[in-house]
């Protein structure tokens, strides 16, 4: 099987400026994702960083074999989707690939074993696509509260206010790892295809960093990981 890895890292992050290259335990945040991809041994010289920022792309210079692809402005703004970025990459590579792995740089705690194990599950179950998920633990979604006119009420209604053991098993998506069969992506143009499998990533490696609070949590989890 021929695999390609995409690390999408646009430069216009607003909540944490320059998020993808902010210092994370002595390295640019994106470096942890690059290293996980390399150490997995699944991609050879087919690891690509896609960005509209030369500064972010330059963070890959110290990693032999990692390729850089400069993203055009029309797929670099807030409304640009990961599907747009993926289609741009596949359009600009000459080699044909069987599977594509998407690794988000704001998930620096995910490691090479997560990449390898998720791939093994994908192949074993013969799925067209797979994504990492995490258990909700104490943040069970059906107990969400919504405030209306200064009063709290259950967002999902009384249907789910039963013994938690009787509720369906649900997961929270994590951006740590996503896999898709390239032929399937070119057909459906999405990662969440009809045959979506899961890789359950441990909570301590599941954090998606979007805010400074997320960043501080991830730094603490890194120390005990």
Protein backbone atom coordinates (compact mmCIF):
# COMPACT_ATOMS: atom_id res chain seq x y z
CA UNK A 1 0.00 0.00 0.00
CA UNK A 2 1.22 3.49 -0.86
CA UNK A 3 0.35 6.10 1.78
CA UNK A 4 0.57 9.88 1.81
CA UNK A 5 0.48 12.12 4.90
CA UNK A 6 -0.96 15.63 4.94
CA UNK A 7 -0.22 18.11 7.74
CA UNK A 8 -2.40 21.19 7.12
CA UNK A 9 -1.13 24.31 8.87
CA UNK A 10 -2.47 27.67 7.78
CA UNK A 11 -0.94 30.82 9.18
CA UNK A 12 -4.02 32.82 10.11
CA UNK A 13 -4.83 31.42 13.54
CA UNK A 14 -6.61 34.06 15.63
CA UNK A 15 -7.15 32.69 19.15
CA UNK A 16 -3.47 31.70 19.45
CA UNK A 17 -1.38 33.76 17.01
CA UNK A 18 1.05 31.60 15.02
CA UNK A 19 -0.42 28.59 16.81
CA UNK A 20 1.16 25.95 14.61
CA UNK A 21 4.69 27.10 15.42
CA UNK A 22 4.17 28.29 18.99
CA UNK A 23 6.72 26.80 21.39
CA UNK A 24 5.61 23.47 22.81
CA UNK A 25 8.19 21.97 25.13
CA UNK A 26 11.15 23.38 23.26
CA UNK A 27 9.94 22.80 19.69
CA UNK A 28 7.48 24.44 17.31
CA UNK A 29 4.14 22.74 17.92
CA UNK A 30 4.06 21.36 14.37
CA UNK A 31 7.38 19.55 14.94
CA UNK A 32 5.71 17.00 17.22
CA UNK A 33 3.30 16.04 14.44
CA UNK A 34 6.08 15.86 11.83
CA UNK A 35 8.05 13.53 14.09
CA UNK A 36 5.02 11.30 14.71
CA UNK A 37 4.53 10.94 10.95
CA UNK A 38 8.20 10.13 10.33
CA UNK A 39 8.51 7.66 13.21
CA UNK A 40 5.39 5.78 12.11
CA UNK A 41 7.33 4.53 9.09
CA UNK A 42 4.16 4.52 6.97
CA UNK A 43 4.85 7.32 4.51
CA UNK A 44 8.46 7.24 3.30
CA UNK A 45 9.14 10.53 1.54
CA UNK A 46 5.43 11.32 1.11
CA UNK A 47 4.88 13.61 4.11
CA UNK A 48 3.54 17.01 3.07
CA UNK A 49 3.02 20.23 5.00
CA UNK A 50 0.43 22.47 3.34
CA UNK A 51 0.43 26.11 4.40
CA UNK A 52 0.00 29.67 3.18
CA UNK A 53 2.79 30.74 5.55
CA UNK A 54 6.46 30.55 4.58
CA UNK A 55 7.36 30.78 8.27
CA UNK A 56 5.39 27.62 9.03
CA UNK A 57 6.77 25.80 5.98
CA UNK A 58 10.30 26.66 7.06
CA UNK A 59 9.72 24.74 10.31
CA UNK A 60 10.03 21.56 8.25
CA UNK A 61 13.50 22.38 6.91
CA UNK A 62 15.29 20.34 9.57
CA UNK A 63 13.36 17.17 8.69
CA UNK A 64 14.83 15.31 5.73
CA UNK A 65 12.29 14.14 3.18
CA UNK A 66 9.37 16.23 4.43
CA UNK A 67 7.89 18.18 1.53
CA UNK A 68 6.33 21.63 1.53
CA UNK A 69 3.38 22.77 -0.55
CA UNK A 70 2.44 26.44 -0.64
CA UNK A 71 -1.31 26.83 -0.40
CA UNK A 72 -3.07 29.44 -2.59
CA UNK A 73 -4.97 32.29 -0.92
CA UNK A 74 -8.40 30.99 -1.97
CA UNK A 75 -8.05 27.95 0.30
CA UNK A 76 -6.27 29.68 3.16
CA UNK A 77 -8.97 31.75 4.84
CA UNK A 78 -11.40 30.97 7.64
CA UNK A 79 -13.91 29.42 5.24
CA UNK A 80 -11.44 27.05 3.59
CA UNK A 81 -12.09 23.41 4.42
CA UNK A 82 -9.76 20.49 5.02
CA UNK A 83 -11.36 18.86 2.00
CA UNK A 84 -10.26 21.82 -0.16
CA UNK A 85 -6.71 21.54 1.13
CA UNK A 86 -6.66 17.78 0.58
CA UNK A 87 -7.95 18.09 -2.98
CA UNK A 88 -5.26 20.69 -3.69
CA UNK A 89 -2.55 18.36 -2.44
CA UNK A 90 -3.74 15.36 -4.43
CA UNK A 91 -4.00 17.49 -7.55
CA UNK A 92 -0.37 18.55 -7.18
CA UNK A 93 1.29 15.17 -6.54
CA UNK A 94 2.13 12.89 -9.44
CA UNK A 95 2.21 9.60 -7.55
CA UNK A 96 -1.00 7.63 -7.05
CA UNK A 97 -1.70 6.70 -3.43
CA UNK A 98 -3.94 4.15 -1.77
CA UNK A 99 -4.52 5.90 1.58
CA UNK A 100 -4.18 9.44 2.87
CA UNK A 101 -3.55 10.27 6.52
CA UNK A 102 -4.45 13.71 7.87
CA UNK A 103 -2.53 14.79 10.97
CA UNK A 104 -3.54 18.10 12.54
CA UNK A 105 -0.59 20.05 14.00
CA UNK A 106 -2.69 21.29 16.93
CA UNK A 107 -2.68 17.72 18.33
CA UNK A 108 0.97 17.44 19.44
CA UNK A 109 0.36 14.70 22.02
CA UNK A 110 -0.63 12.12 19.41
CA UNK A 111 2.36 9.87 18.73
CA UNK A 112 3.65 7.50 16.07
CA UNK A 113 2.00 4.50 17.74
CA UNK A 114 -1.38 6.20 17.38
CA UNK A 115 -0.71 6.66 13.68
CA UNK A 116 0.35 3.02 13.23
CA UNK A 117 -2.44 1.49 15.33
CA UNK A 118 -5.13 3.53 13.61
CA UNK A 119 -3.80 2.37 10.24
CA UNK A 120 -3.85 -1.26 11.38
CA UNK A 121 -7.51 -0.89 12.40
CA UNK A 122 -8.36 0.76 9.09
CA UNK A 123 -6.84 -2.12 7.14
CA UNK A 124 -8.11 -4.89 9.41
CA UNK A 125 -11.71 -3.64 9.26
CA UNK A 126 -11.39 -2.76 5.55
CA UNK A 127 -12.80 0.70 6.14
CA UNK A 128 -12.87 3.48 3.56
CA UNK A 129 -12.23 6.09 6.25
CA UNK A 130 -11.36 6.29 9.92
CA UNK A 131 -10.97 8.98 12.55
CA UNK A 132 -9.63 9.21 16.08
CA UNK A 133 -12.19 9.64 18.83
CA UNK A 134 -12.04 9.93 22.61
CA UNK A 135 -14.46 8.88 25.34
CA UNK A 136 -16.37 11.73 26.94
CA UNK A 137 -15.43 10.61 30.46
CA UNK A 138 -17.07 13.08 32.90
CA UNK A 139 -18.25 15.46 30.16
CA UNK A 140 -21.17 13.34 29.01
CA UNK A 141 -22.86 15.25 26.16
CA UNK A 142 -26.47 14.34 26.94
CA UNK A 143 -26.27 16.29 30.19
CA UNK A 144 -25.52 19.54 28.35
CA UNK A 145 -27.41 22.57 29.63
CA UNK A 146 -28.65 25.47 27.53
CA UNK A 147 -29.43 28.92 28.89
CA UNK A 148 -32.56 30.64 27.64
CA UNK A 149 -33.87 33.89 29.08
CA UNK A 150 -31.61 33.52 32.09
CA UNK A 151 -32.77 29.97 32.89
CA UNK A 152 -30.99 26.65 32.37
CA UNK A 153 -32.67 23.67 30.75
CA UNK A 154 -31.43 20.39 29.33
CA UNK A 155 -30.30 20.91 25.74
CA UNK A 156 -31.16 17.38 24.53
CA UNK A 157 -34.45 17.11 26.42
CA UNK A 158 -35.85 14.46 28.74
CA UNK A 159 -35.29 11.61 26.29
CA UNK A 160 -31.74 11.14 27.56
CA UNK A 161 -32.31 11.76 31.28
CA UNK A 162 -32.04 8.08 32.16
CA UNK A 163 -29.47 5.80 33.75
CA UNK A 164 -26.21 6.46 31.87
CA UNK A 165 -25.69 2.69 31.39
CA UNK A 166 -28.79 2.66 29.18
CA UNK A 167 -27.60 5.50 26.95
CA UNK A 168 -25.93 4.81 23.58
CA UNK A 169 -22.14 4.75 23.39
CA UNK A 170 -20.97 8.05 22.00
CA UNK A 171 -17.55 9.56 21.34
CA UNK A 172 -16.00 12.97 20.90
CA UNK A 173 -14.06 13.42 17.62
CA UNK A 174 -10.38 14.25 17.90
CA UNK A 175 -8.32 15.79 15.11
CA UNK A 176 -5.33 13.66 16.06
CA UNK A 177 -5.61 11.14 13.20
CA UNK A 178 -7.82 10.76 10.16
CA UNK A 179 -7.46 8.21 7.38
CA UNK A 180 -9.26 7.97 4.08
CA UNK A 181 -8.93 5.75 1.05
CA UNK A 182 -7.82 8.13 -1.71
CA UNK A 183 -10.22 6.69 -4.28
CA UNK A 184 -13.05 7.13 -1.79
CA UNK A 185 -12.08 10.75 -1.06
CA UNK A 186 -11.92 11.62 -4.76
CA UNK A 187 -15.41 10.22 -5.12
CA UNK A 188 -17.12 11.63 -2.01
CA UNK A 189 -14.90 14.69 -1.38
CA UNK A 190 -15.10 14.23 2.39
CA UNK A 191 -13.43 12.52 5.34
CA UNK A 192 -16.68 11.53 7.01
CA UNK A 193 -17.69 8.93 4.46
CA UNK A 194 -20.43 6.32 4.72
CA UNK A 195 -18.04 3.67 6.04
CA UNK A 196 -16.40 5.58 8.88
CA UNK A 197 -14.41 3.60 11.43
CA UNK A 198 -12.92 4.72 14.74
CA UNK A 199 -9.63 4.68 16.59
CA UNK A 200 -10.13 5.38 20.30
CA UNK A 201 -7.22 7.54 21.40
CA UNK A 202 -6.46 7.85 25.13
CA UNK A 203 -7.60 11.10 26.73
CA UNK A 204 -4.04 12.12 27.64
CA UNK A 205 -3.10 12.19 23.93
CA UNK A 206 -6.36 13.53 22.52
CA UNK A 207 -6.20 17.27 23.17
CA UNK A 208 -6.95 19.57 20.22
CA UNK A 209 -5.31 22.91 20.95
CA UNK A 210 -7.50 25.86 19.94
CA UNK A 211 -7.25 28.18 22.95
CA UNK A 212 -4.60 29.17 25.49
CA UNK A 213 -6.47 27.04 28.04
CA UNK A 214 -6.10 24.03 25.73
CA UNK A 215 -2.41 24.83 25.35
CA UNK A 216 -1.82 24.88 29.09
CA UNK A 217 -3.71 21.59 29.53
CA UNK A 218 -1.68 19.95 26.75
CA UNK A 219 1.60 21.11 28.29
CA UNK A 220 0.63 19.53 31.62
CA UNK A 221 -0.48 16.29 29.96
CA UNK A 222 2.79 16.17 28.02
CA UNK A 223 4.73 15.98 31.27
CA UNK A 224 2.81 12.91 32.47
CA UNK A 225 2.37 11.26 29.07
